[in-house]
Amino acid sequence: MEIPKDKVKKLYYSIAEVADMFNVNQSLLRFWEKEFPQIAPHTNSRGVRKYREEDIELLGMIYYLVKEKGMTIPGARQRLDNDKKAVRKNYDISVRLKRVRDELKSISNELEKLSASAKNKEEIG
């Protein structure tokens, strides 16, 4: 997952914003923090988490491994420890393919609208 382009990039994101980006509960992010020592968001004196883009990128890779690839937490942790470069590469490819798929769906929807509009004009005229 990546930071939506329509959002203004910020230095820090709240746990609620990050949970929304991945469509997961905040408790899952806190759980992953315990399971993956690489995740270390900044916290203030009250313990409020603030995630940087690097944290979000890492969470995206974890989401990719656990939720999309179906890996176990220990398996994902080991994969990140052993070959983070390959995980990042596969994650980046996955993100790009999703973007392409979404764009193709958008184009398809527009073509369907144009086709329906042209069909209506034929029936009327």
N, C-alpha and C. Protein backbone atom coordinates (compact mmCIF):
# COMPACT_ATOMS: atom_id res chain seq x y z
N MET A 1 0.86 -1.16 0.00
CA MET A 1 0.00 0.00 0.00
C MET A 1 0.89 1.21 0.00
N GLU A 2 0.34 2.27 -0.57
CA GLU A 2 1.13 3.48 -0.60
C GLU A 2 0.29 4.65 -0.14
N ILE A 3 0.94 5.75 0.12
CA ILE A 3 0.24 6.96 0.55
C ILE A 3 -0.55 7.48 -0.64
N PRO A 4 -1.85 7.68 -0.47
CA PRO A 4 -2.66 8.17 -1.59
C PRO A 4 -2.12 9.48 -2.13
N LYS A 5 -2.11 9.60 -3.47
CA LYS A 5 -1.56 10.78 -4.12
C LYS A 5 -2.39 12.03 -3.85
N ASP A 6 -3.70 11.83 -3.56
CA ASP A 6 -4.54 13.00 -3.32
C ASP A 6 -4.35 13.57 -1.92
N LYS A 7 -3.67 12.83 -1.06
CA LYS A 7 -3.38 13.34 0.29
C LYS A 7 -2.11 14.16 0.24
N VAL A 8 -2.09 15.22 0.99
CA VAL A 8 -0.88 16.04 1.09
C VAL A 8 0.12 15.22 1.89
N LYS A 9 1.32 15.11 1.37
CA LYS A 9 2.34 14.36 2.10
C LYS A 9 2.72 15.13 3.35
N LYS A 10 2.78 14.38 4.44
CA LYS A 10 3.10 14.99 5.72
C LYS A 10 4.35 14.31 6.27
N LEU A 11 4.93 14.90 7.25
CA LEU A 11 6.08 14.31 7.90
C LEU A 11 5.66 13.11 8.74
N TYR A 12 4.53 13.24 9.44
CA TYR A 12 4.02 12.16 10.29
C TYR A 12 2.55 11.91 10.03
N TYR A 13 2.17 10.64 10.19
CA TYR A 13 0.78 10.23 10.06
C TYR A 13 0.35 9.56 11.35
N SER A 14 -0.89 9.78 11.74
CA SER A 14 -1.42 9.16 12.96
C SER A 14 -1.71 7.69 12.70
N ILE A 15 -1.87 6.93 13.77
CA ILE A 15 -2.18 5.51 13.63
C ILE A 15 -3.53 5.32 12.94
N ALA A 16 -4.46 6.24 13.18
CA ALA A 16 -5.77 6.14 12.52
C ALA A 16 -5.63 6.33 11.01
N GLU A 17 -4.82 7.29 10.59
CA GLU A 17 -4.61 7.52 9.17
C GLU A 17 -3.94 6.32 8.50
N VAL A 18 -2.97 5.74 9.18
CA VAL A 18 -2.25 4.60 8.62
C VAL A 18 -3.19 3.38 8.55
N ALA A 19 -3.97 3.18 9.59
CA ALA A 19 -4.92 2.07 9.59
C ALA A 19 -5.91 2.22 8.44
N ASP A 20 -6.35 3.44 8.18
CA ASP A 20 -7.26 3.69 7.06
C ASP A 20 -6.59 3.40 5.72
N MET A 21 -5.31 3.74 5.59
CA MET A 21 -4.59 3.49 4.35
C MET A 21 -4.61 2.00 3.98
N PHE A 22 -4.49 1.15 5.01
CA PHE A 22 -4.43 -0.29 4.78
C PHE A 22 -5.76 -0.98 5.02
N ASN A 23 -6.75 -0.20 5.43
CA ASN A 23 -8.07 -0.75 5.74
C ASN A 23 -7.97 -1.87 6.79
N VAL A 24 -7.24 -1.58 7.86
CA VAL A 24 -7.08 -2.52 8.97
C VAL A 24 -7.38 -1.79 10.28
N ASN A 25 -7.51 -2.56 11.34
CA ASN A 25 -7.72 -1.97 12.66
C ASN A 25 -6.41 -1.43 13.21
N GLN A 26 -6.51 -0.42 14.05
CA GLN A 26 -5.33 0.13 14.71
C GLN A 26 -4.65 -0.92 15.57
N SER A 27 -5.45 -1.82 16.15
CA SER A 27 -4.89 -2.86 17.00
C SER A 27 -3.96 -3.78 16.21
N LEU A 28 -4.26 -4.00 14.92
CA LEU A 28 -3.38 -4.83 14.10
C LEU A 28 -2.03 -4.14 13.92
N LEU A 29 -2.03 -2.84 13.73
CA LEU A 29 -0.76 -2.11 13.60
C LEU A 29 0.05 -2.20 14.89
N ARG A 30 -0.62 -2.07 16.03
CA ARG A 30 0.09 -2.19 17.31
C ARG A 30 0.64 -3.60 17.49
N PHE A 31 -0.12 -4.60 17.06
CA PHE A 31 0.34 -5.99 17.13
C PHE A 31 1.57 -6.18 16.26
N TRP A 32 1.52 -5.67 15.03
CA TRP A 32 2.66 -5.81 14.13
C TRP A 32 3.89 -5.11 14.70
N GLU A 33 3.70 -4.01 15.42
CA GLU A 33 4.84 -3.34 16.06
C GLU A 33 5.56 -4.27 17.01
N LYS A 34 4.78 -5.07 17.74
CA LYS A 34 5.37 -6.02 18.69
C LYS A 34 6.07 -7.17 17.97
N GLU A 35 5.52 -7.58 16.85
CA GLU A 35 6.04 -8.73 16.12
C GLU A 35 7.21 -8.41 15.19
N PHE A 36 7.27 -7.17 14.74
CA PHE A 36 8.31 -6.76 13.79
C PHE A 36 9.10 -5.60 14.42
N PRO A 37 10.27 -5.90 14.95
CA PRO A 37 11.05 -4.85 15.63
C PRO A 37 11.47 -3.71 14.69
N GLN A 38 11.39 -3.94 13.37
CA GLN A 38 11.77 -2.89 12.42
C GLN A 38 10.78 -1.72 12.45
N ILE A 39 9.55 -1.99 12.88
CA ILE A 39 8.53 -0.93 12.94
C ILE A 39 8.75 -0.16 14.23
N ALA A 40 9.08 1.10 14.09
CA ALA A 40 9.34 1.92 15.27
C ALA A 40 8.84 3.34 15.04
N PRO A 41 7.52 3.53 15.11
CA PRO A 41 7.03 4.90 14.92
C PRO A 41 7.46 5.78 16.07
N HIS A 42 7.56 7.06 15.79
CA HIS A 42 7.87 8.01 16.85
C HIS A 42 6.68 8.07 17.80
N THR A 43 6.97 8.21 19.07
CA THR A 43 5.89 8.39 20.05
C THR A 43 6.20 9.61 20.89
N ASN A 44 5.14 10.31 21.28
CA ASN A 44 5.35 11.46 22.14
C ASN A 44 5.29 11.02 23.60
N SER A 45 5.32 11.95 24.53
CA SER A 45 5.35 11.60 25.95
C SER A 45 4.09 10.88 26.40
N ARG A 46 3.00 11.05 25.66
CA ARG A 46 1.75 10.37 26.00
C ARG A 46 1.61 9.04 25.27
N GLY A 47 2.59 8.69 24.47
CA GLY A 47 2.56 7.41 23.75
C GLY A 47 1.81 7.44 22.44
N VAL A 48 1.51 8.64 21.95
CA VAL A 48 0.80 8.76 20.67
C VAL A 48 1.78 8.45 19.54
N ARG A 49 1.41 7.49 18.70
CA ARG A 49 2.28 7.07 17.60
C ARG A 49 2.18 8.03 16.43
N LYS A 50 3.34 8.29 15.83
CA LYS A 50 3.42 9.09 14.61
C LYS A 50 4.29 8.33 13.63
N TYR A 51 3.68 7.93 12.51
CA TYR A 51 4.36 7.12 11.52
C TYR A 51 4.95 7.99 10.41
N ARG A 52 6.19 7.67 10.03
CA ARG A 52 6.85 8.34 8.91
C ARG A 52 6.58 7.54 7.64
N GLU A 53 6.91 8.11 6.49
CA GLU A 53 6.72 7.40 5.23
C GLU A 53 7.48 6.07 5.21
N GLU A 54 8.67 6.03 5.82
CA GLU A 54 9.45 4.80 5.87
C GLU A 54 8.72 3.72 6.66
N ASP A 55 8.06 4.13 7.75
CA ASP A 55 7.28 3.18 8.55
C ASP A 55 6.11 2.63 7.73
N ILE A 56 5.47 3.52 6.97
CA ILE A 56 4.33 3.12 6.17
C ILE A 56 4.76 2.17 5.05
N GLU A 57 5.91 2.43 4.46
CA GLU A 57 6.46 1.55 3.43
C GLU A 57 6.72 0.15 4.02
N LEU A 58 7.30 0.09 5.20
CA LEU A 58 7.55 -1.19 5.85
C LEU A 58 6.24 -1.90 6.18
N LEU A 59 5.27 -1.16 6.68
CA LEU A 59 3.96 -1.75 6.95
C LEU A 59 3.33 -2.27 5.67
N GLY A 60 3.54 -1.57 4.56
CA GLY A 60 3.03 -2.04 3.28
C GLY A 60 3.64 -3.37 2.89
N MET A 61 4.94 -3.51 3.12
CA MET A 61 5.61 -4.78 2.81
C MET A 61 5.08 -5.90 3.71
N ILE A 62 4.86 -5.58 4.98
CA ILE A 62 4.31 -6.58 5.91
C ILE A 62 2.89 -6.95 5.48
N TYR A 63 2.10 -5.96 5.15
CA TYR A 63 0.73 -6.22 4.68
C TYR A 63 0.77 -7.12 3.44
N TYR A 64 1.65 -6.81 2.52
CA TYR A 64 1.81 -7.60 1.30
C TYR A 64 2.13 -9.06 1.63
N LEU A 65 3.09 -9.27 2.52
CA LEU A 65 3.50 -10.64 2.85
C LEU A 65 2.43 -11.40 3.62
N VAL A 66 1.82 -10.74 4.61
CA VAL A 66 0.89 -11.42 5.50
C VAL A 66 -0.51 -11.51 4.89
N LYS A 67 -1.03 -10.41 4.43
CA LYS A 67 -2.42 -10.38 3.97
C LYS A 67 -2.58 -10.82 2.51
N GLU A 68 -1.65 -10.43 1.66
CA GLU A 68 -1.81 -10.75 0.25
C GLU A 68 -1.15 -12.07 -0.13
N LYS A 69 0.00 -12.36 0.44
CA LYS A 69 0.71 -13.60 0.13
C LYS A 69 0.36 -14.73 1.10
N GLY A 70 -0.29 -14.39 2.21
CA GLY A 70 -0.73 -15.41 3.16
C GLY A 70 0.36 -16.00 4.03
N MET A 71 1.45 -15.29 4.20
CA MET A 71 2.54 -15.79 5.03
C MET A 71 2.19 -15.65 6.51
N THR A 72 2.81 -16.49 7.31
CA THR A 72 2.67 -16.37 8.76
C THR A 72 3.52 -15.20 9.23
N ILE A 73 3.24 -14.73 10.44
CA ILE A 73 4.03 -13.63 11.01
C ILE A 73 5.51 -14.04 11.10
N PRO A 74 5.83 -15.22 11.67
CA PRO A 74 7.26 -15.60 11.72
C PRO A 74 7.88 -15.72 10.32
N GLY A 75 7.11 -16.23 9.37
CA GLY A 75 7.63 -16.36 8.00
C GLY A 75 7.90 -15.00 7.38
N ALA A 76 6.98 -14.06 7.59
CA ALA A 76 7.16 -12.70 7.05
C ALA A 76 8.35 -12.03 7.72
N ARG A 77 8.47 -12.21 9.03
CA ARG A 77 9.60 -11.60 9.76
C ARG A 77 10.92 -12.14 9.22
N GLN A 78 10.98 -13.46 9.01
CA GLN A 78 12.20 -14.07 8.50
C GLN A 78 12.50 -13.59 7.08
N ARG A 79 11.47 -13.48 6.27
CA ARG A 79 11.65 -13.02 4.90
C ARG A 79 12.21 -11.60 4.87
N LEU A 80 11.67 -10.74 5.73
CA LEU A 80 12.17 -9.36 5.79
C LEU A 80 13.61 -9.32 6.30
N ASP A 81 13.92 -10.16 7.27
CA ASP A 81 15.29 -10.18 7.81
C ASP A 81 16.29 -10.71 6.78
N ASN A 82 15.89 -11.74 6.04
CA ASN A 82 16.82 -12.40 5.12
C ASN A 82 16.97 -11.72 3.77
N ASP A 83 15.88 -11.17 3.26
CA ASP A 83 15.93 -10.65 1.89
C ASP A 83 14.98 -9.47 1.71
N LYS A 84 15.23 -8.39 2.44
CA LYS A 84 14.36 -7.22 2.39
C LYS A 84 14.34 -6.59 1.00
N LYS A 85 15.47 -6.64 0.28
CA LYS A 85 15.52 -6.07 -1.07
C LYS A 85 14.53 -6.75 -2.00
N ALA A 86 14.49 -8.07 -1.96
CA ALA A 86 13.57 -8.83 -2.82
C ALA A 86 12.12 -8.56 -2.43
N VAL A 87 11.86 -8.48 -1.13
CA VAL A 87 10.50 -8.18 -0.67
C VAL A 87 10.09 -6.80 -1.16
N ARG A 88 10.97 -5.82 -1.03
CA ARG A 88 10.67 -4.45 -1.48
C ARG A 88 10.39 -4.45 -2.98
N LYS A 89 11.21 -5.17 -3.74
CA LYS A 89 11.03 -5.22 -5.20
C LYS A 89 9.67 -5.82 -5.54
N ASN A 90 9.32 -6.94 -4.93
CA ASN A 90 8.03 -7.59 -5.19
C ASN A 90 6.87 -6.71 -4.74
N TYR A 91 7.03 -6.05 -3.61
CA TYR A 91 6.00 -5.15 -3.10
C TYR A 91 5.80 -3.99 -4.07
N ASP A 92 6.89 -3.39 -4.54
CA ASP A 92 6.80 -2.28 -5.48
C ASP A 92 6.10 -2.71 -6.78
N ILE A 93 6.43 -3.89 -7.26
CA ILE A 93 5.79 -4.42 -8.47
C ILE A 93 4.29 -4.59 -8.22
N SER A 94 3.95 -5.13 -7.06
CA SER A 94 2.54 -5.34 -6.71
C SER A 94 1.79 -4.01 -6.68
N VAL A 95 2.39 -2.99 -6.10
CA VAL A 95 1.75 -1.67 -6.03
C VAL A 95 1.55 -1.11 -7.43
N ARG A 96 2.57 -1.23 -8.28
CA ARG A 96 2.44 -0.71 -9.64
C ARG A 96 1.37 -1.46 -10.43
N LEU A 97 1.32 -2.77 -10.27
CA LEU A 97 0.31 -3.56 -10.97
C LEU A 97 -1.10 -3.19 -10.51
N LYS A 98 -1.27 -2.92 -9.23
CA LYS A 98 -2.58 -2.49 -8.72
C LYS A 98 -2.96 -1.15 -9.32
N ARG A 99 -1.99 -0.25 -9.44
CA ARG A 99 -2.25 1.05 -10.06
C ARG A 99 -2.69 0.88 -11.51
N VAL A 100 -2.00 0.01 -12.25
CA VAL A 100 -2.34 -0.24 -13.64
C VAL A 100 -3.74 -0.86 -13.72
N ARG A 101 -4.03 -1.82 -12.86
CA ARG A 101 -5.35 -2.45 -12.85
C ARG A 101 -6.44 -1.42 -12.59
N ASP A 102 -6.22 -0.56 -11.61
CA ASP A 102 -7.21 0.48 -11.30
C ASP A 102 -7.41 1.43 -12.48
N GLU A 103 -6.32 1.78 -13.15
CA GLU A 103 -6.42 2.66 -14.31
C GLU A 103 -7.19 1.97 -15.44
N LEU A 104 -6.91 0.69 -15.65
CA LEU A 104 -7.63 -0.05 -16.70
C LEU A 104 -9.12 -0.18 -16.38
N LYS A 105 -9.44 -0.38 -15.11
CA LYS A 105 -10.85 -0.43 -14.70
C LYS A 105 -11.52 0.90 -14.97
N SER A 106 -10.83 1.98 -14.67
CA SER A 106 -11.36 3.31 -14.90
C SER A 106 -11.61 3.55 -16.39
N ILE A 107 -10.67 3.16 -17.21
CA ILE A 107 -10.82 3.30 -18.66
C ILE A 107 -11.98 2.44 -19.16
N SER A 108 -12.08 1.23 -18.67
CA SER A 108 -13.18 0.34 -19.04
C SER A 108 -14.53 0.94 -18.68
N ASN A 109 -14.62 1.51 -17.48
CA ASN A 109 -15.87 2.14 -17.05
C ASN A 109 -16.23 3.31 -17.95
N GLU A 110 -15.23 4.12 -18.31
CA GLU A 110 -15.48 5.26 -19.20
C GLU A 110 -15.94 4.78 -20.57
N LEU A 111 -15.32 3.71 -21.08
CA LEU A 111 -15.73 3.17 -22.38
C LEU A 111 -17.16 2.64 -22.34
N GLU A 112 -17.52 2.00 -21.23
CA GLU A 112 -18.89 1.50 -21.08
C GLU A 112 -19.89 2.65 -21.07
N LYS A 113 -19.53 3.74 -20.39
CA LYS A 113 -20.41 4.91 -20.36
C LYS A 113 -20.57 5.50 -21.77
N LEU A 114 -19.45 5.62 -22.48
CA LEU A 114 -19.50 6.15 -23.85
C LEU A 114 -20.32 5.25 -24.76
N SER A 115 -20.15 3.96 -24.61
CA SER A 115 -20.89 3.00 -25.43
C SER A 115 -22.39 3.09 -25.14
N ALA A 116 -22.75 3.18 -23.86
CA ALA A 116 -24.15 3.30 -23.48
C ALA A 116 -24.74 4.60 -24.00
N SER A 117 -23.96 5.67 -23.93
CA SER A 117 -24.41 6.97 -24.41
C SER A 117 -24.63 6.93 -25.92
N ALA A 118 -23.70 6.32 -26.64
CA ALA A 118 -23.83 6.21 -28.11
C ALA A 118 -25.03 5.34 -28.47
N LYS A 119 -25.27 4.29 -27.73
CA LYS A 119 -26.40 3.40 -27.98
C LYS A 119 -27.72 4.15 -27.76
N ASN A 120 -27.77 4.96 -26.69
CA ASN A 120 -28.97 5.75 -26.43
C ASN A 120 -29.23 6.75 -27.55
N LYS A 121 -28.19 7.37 -28.07
CA LYS A 121 -28.34 8.34 -29.16
C LYS A 121 -28.84 7.64 -30.42
N GLU A 122 -28.37 6.42 -30.68
CA GLU A 122 -28.83 5.66 -31.84
C GLU A 122 -30.32 5.35 -31.73
N GLU A 123 -30.73 4.96 -30.51
CA GLU A 123 -32.13 4.60 -30.29
C GLU A 123 -33.03 5.81 -30.43
N ILE A 124 -32.57 6.95 -29.99
CA ILE A 124 -33.36 8.19 -30.05
C ILE A 124 -33.39 8.71 -31.49
N GLY A 125 -32.26 8.71 -32.14
CA GLY A 125 -32.13 9.33 -33.45
C GLY A 125 -32.37 8.37 -34.52
